[in-house]
Amino acid sequence: MRTTTLVIGMILLVYGAQGTVRQLVDHDNAGLLGWLPGGFGAQLAGHIVLVVAGLLLAGWGGRRPSH
């Protein structure tokens, strides 16, 4: 279970980070979050939310169980 959480967290982190950088360089290229209403700000916030969620999931999944 922890490995799955770690992998999902890393995927979200990578997708969110590259989407954030891509959108900051080219404002019209929103990637998969182009469907979000609200324009540039909402799409950038969506990518940042993915980064934070990925960090939290990957951090939780990478922690060793305490025995």
N, C-alpha and C. Protein backbone atom coordinates (compact mmCIF):
# COMPACT_ATOMS: atom_id res chain seq x y z
N MET A 1 0.82 -1.20 0.00
CA MET A 1 0.00 0.00 0.00
C MET A 1 0.86 1.26 0.00
N ARG A 2 1.92 1.25 0.80
CA ARG A 2 2.78 2.43 0.86
C ARG A 2 3.51 2.66 -0.46
N THR A 3 3.86 1.58 -1.14
CA THR A 3 4.54 1.73 -2.43
C THR A 3 3.60 2.36 -3.45
N THR A 4 2.35 1.95 -3.45
CA THR A 4 1.37 2.53 -4.36
C THR A 4 1.17 4.01 -4.06
N THR A 5 1.09 4.36 -2.79
CA THR A 5 0.93 5.76 -2.40
C THR A 5 2.15 6.57 -2.82
N LEU A 6 3.33 6.00 -2.65
CA LEU A 6 4.57 6.68 -3.05
C LEU A 6 4.59 6.92 -4.56
N VAL A 7 4.23 5.91 -5.33
CA VAL A 7 4.24 6.04 -6.79
C VAL A 7 3.21 7.07 -7.25
N ILE A 8 2.02 7.03 -6.72
CA ILE A 8 0.98 7.99 -7.09
C ILE A 8 1.41 9.40 -6.70
N GLY A 9 2.00 9.55 -5.52
CA GLY A 9 2.49 10.85 -5.09
C GLY A 9 3.57 11.39 -6.01
N MET A 10 4.49 10.54 -6.43
CA MET A 10 5.55 10.98 -7.33
C MET A 10 5.00 11.36 -8.71
N ILE A 11 4.02 10.62 -9.18
CA ILE A 11 3.41 10.95 -10.47
C ILE A 11 2.72 12.32 -10.39
N LEU A 12 1.97 12.55 -9.32
CA LEU A 12 1.31 13.85 -9.14
C LEU A 12 2.34 14.98 -9.02
N LEU A 13 3.41 14.72 -8.28
CA LEU A 13 4.45 15.72 -8.09
C LEU A 13 5.10 16.09 -9.42
N VAL A 14 5.47 15.09 -10.19
CA VAL A 14 6.13 15.35 -11.48
C VAL A 14 5.18 16.05 -12.45
N TYR A 15 3.95 15.57 -12.54
CA TYR A 15 3.00 16.20 -13.46
C TYR A 15 2.71 17.64 -13.05
N GLY A 16 2.51 17.86 -11.76
CA GLY A 16 2.21 19.22 -11.29
C GLY A 16 3.38 20.16 -11.48
N ALA A 17 4.58 19.69 -11.21
CA ALA A 17 5.77 20.55 -11.35
C ALA A 17 6.03 20.89 -12.81
N GLN A 18 5.99 19.90 -13.69
CA GLN A 18 6.25 20.21 -15.09
C GLN A 18 5.11 21.04 -15.68
N GLY A 19 3.89 20.85 -15.23
CA GLY A 19 2.78 21.67 -15.69
C GLY A 19 2.90 23.11 -15.23
N THR A 20 3.39 23.29 -14.00
CA THR A 20 3.58 24.65 -13.48
C THR A 20 4.64 25.37 -14.29
N VAL A 21 5.78 24.72 -14.51
CA VAL A 21 6.86 25.35 -15.28
C VAL A 21 6.40 25.63 -16.70
N ARG A 22 5.72 24.66 -17.33
CA ARG A 22 5.25 24.85 -18.70
C ARG A 22 4.29 26.03 -18.79
N GLN A 23 3.42 26.15 -17.81
CA GLN A 23 2.44 27.23 -17.86
C GLN A 23 3.07 28.59 -17.57
N LEU A 24 4.09 28.62 -16.73
CA LEU A 24 4.77 29.89 -16.46
C LEU A 24 5.55 30.36 -17.69
N VAL A 25 6.08 29.43 -18.47
CA VAL A 25 6.83 29.79 -19.67
C VAL A 25 5.88 30.18 -20.81
N ASP A 26 4.80 29.42 -20.98
CA ASP A 26 3.84 29.66 -22.06
C ASP A 26 2.44 29.68 -21.44
N HIS A 27 1.90 30.86 -21.21
CA HIS A 27 0.63 31.00 -20.50
C HIS A 27 -0.54 30.30 -21.19
N ASP A 28 -0.46 30.09 -22.48
CA ASP A 28 -1.57 29.46 -23.20
C ASP A 28 -1.53 27.94 -23.18
N ASN A 29 -0.45 27.36 -22.68
CA ASN A 29 -0.30 25.91 -22.69
C ASN A 29 -0.62 25.36 -21.30
N ALA A 30 -1.88 24.99 -21.08
CA ALA A 30 -2.32 24.53 -19.77
C ALA A 30 -2.28 23.02 -19.62
N GLY A 31 -1.98 22.30 -20.69
CA GLY A 31 -1.93 20.84 -20.61
C GLY A 31 -3.28 20.24 -20.32
N LEU A 32 -3.31 19.24 -19.45
CA LEU A 32 -4.56 18.56 -19.14
C LEU A 32 -5.51 19.40 -18.29
N LEU A 33 -5.01 20.47 -17.70
CA LEU A 33 -5.88 21.32 -16.89
C LEU A 33 -6.46 22.48 -17.69
N GLY A 34 -6.39 22.40 -19.00
CA GLY A 34 -6.94 23.44 -19.86
C GLY A 34 -8.46 23.57 -19.76
N TRP A 35 -9.12 22.53 -19.27
CA TRP A 35 -10.58 22.55 -19.15
C TRP A 35 -11.05 23.37 -17.95
N LEU A 36 -10.14 23.69 -17.02
CA LEU A 36 -10.55 24.44 -15.82
C LEU A 36 -11.00 25.85 -16.19
N PRO A 37 -12.15 26.27 -15.69
CA PRO A 37 -12.56 27.66 -15.93
C PRO A 37 -11.75 28.59 -15.03
N GLY A 38 -11.62 29.82 -15.43
CA GLY A 38 -10.92 30.80 -14.62
C GLY A 38 -9.61 31.25 -15.22
N GLY A 39 -9.20 30.63 -16.29
CA GLY A 39 -8.01 31.09 -16.99
C GLY A 39 -6.70 30.71 -16.33
N PHE A 40 -5.70 31.55 -16.57
CA PHE A 40 -4.34 31.28 -16.16
C PHE A 40 -4.20 31.04 -14.65
N GLY A 41 -4.80 31.88 -13.85
CA GLY A 41 -4.67 31.77 -12.39
C GLY A 41 -5.23 30.47 -11.84
N ALA A 42 -6.39 30.09 -12.31
CA ALA A 42 -7.01 28.86 -11.83
C ALA A 42 -6.23 27.63 -12.28
N GLN A 43 -5.74 27.65 -13.49
CA GLN A 43 -4.97 26.52 -14.01
C GLN A 43 -3.63 26.40 -13.30
N LEU A 44 -2.98 27.53 -13.04
CA LEU A 44 -1.72 27.51 -12.31
C LEU A 44 -1.95 27.02 -10.87
N ALA A 45 -3.03 27.47 -10.25
CA ALA A 45 -3.35 27.00 -8.90
C ALA A 45 -3.63 25.51 -8.90
N GLY A 46 -4.27 25.00 -9.94
CA GLY A 46 -4.51 23.57 -10.04
C GLY A 46 -3.22 22.77 -10.11
N HIS A 47 -2.25 23.27 -10.87
CA HIS A 47 -0.95 22.59 -10.93
C HIS A 47 -0.24 22.64 -9.57
N ILE A 48 -0.35 23.75 -8.88
CA ILE A 48 0.29 23.87 -7.57
C ILE A 48 -0.37 22.93 -6.56
N VAL A 49 -1.68 22.77 -6.65
CA VAL A 49 -2.39 21.82 -5.78
C VAL A 49 -1.89 20.40 -6.06
N LEU A 50 -1.66 20.06 -7.33
CA LEU A 50 -1.12 18.75 -7.66
C LEU A 50 0.28 18.56 -7.06
N VAL A 51 1.10 19.60 -7.08
CA VAL A 51 2.44 19.51 -6.50
C VAL A 51 2.35 19.25 -5.00
N VAL A 52 1.51 20.00 -4.31
CA VAL A 52 1.38 19.84 -2.86
C VAL A 52 0.81 18.45 -2.52
N ALA A 53 -0.20 18.02 -3.26
CA ALA A 53 -0.76 16.69 -3.01
C ALA A 53 0.28 15.60 -3.27
N GLY A 54 1.07 15.77 -4.32
CA GLY A 54 2.12 14.81 -4.62
C GLY A 54 3.18 14.77 -3.53
N LEU A 55 3.56 15.94 -3.03
CA LEU A 55 4.54 15.99 -1.93
C LEU A 55 4.01 15.28 -0.69
N LEU A 56 2.77 15.53 -0.35
CA LEU A 56 2.19 14.91 0.84
C LEU A 56 2.07 13.40 0.68
N LEU A 57 1.57 12.95 -0.46
CA LEU A 57 1.42 11.51 -0.68
C LEU A 57 2.78 10.80 -0.75
N ALA A 58 3.73 11.38 -1.46
CA ALA A 58 5.04 10.76 -1.58
C ALA A 58 5.75 10.75 -0.23
N GLY A 59 5.60 11.80 0.54
CA GLY A 59 6.20 11.83 1.87
C GLY A 59 5.60 10.79 2.78
N TRP A 60 4.30 10.64 2.73
CA TRP A 60 3.63 9.65 3.56
C TRP A 60 3.96 8.23 3.10
N GLY A 61 4.00 8.02 1.79
CA GLY A 61 4.28 6.69 1.26
C GLY A 61 5.73 6.29 1.44
N GLY A 62 6.63 7.25 1.50
CA GLY A 62 8.05 6.94 1.65
C GLY A 62 8.50 6.74 3.07
N ARG A 63 7.64 7.07 4.02
CA ARG A 63 7.98 6.91 5.43
C ARG A 63 7.99 5.45 5.81
N ARG A 64 8.96 5.06 6.59
CA ARG A 64 9.00 3.67 7.07
C ARG A 64 8.01 3.48 8.20
N PRO A 65 7.36 2.34 8.24
CA PRO A 65 6.43 2.10 9.36
C PRO A 65 7.20 2.00 10.67
N SER A 66 6.65 2.58 11.69
CA SER A 66 7.31 2.54 13.01
C SER A 66 6.89 1.29 13.78
N HIS A 67 7.86 0.44 14.03
CA HIS A 67 7.58 -0.79 14.79
C HIS A 67 8.33 -0.75 16.08
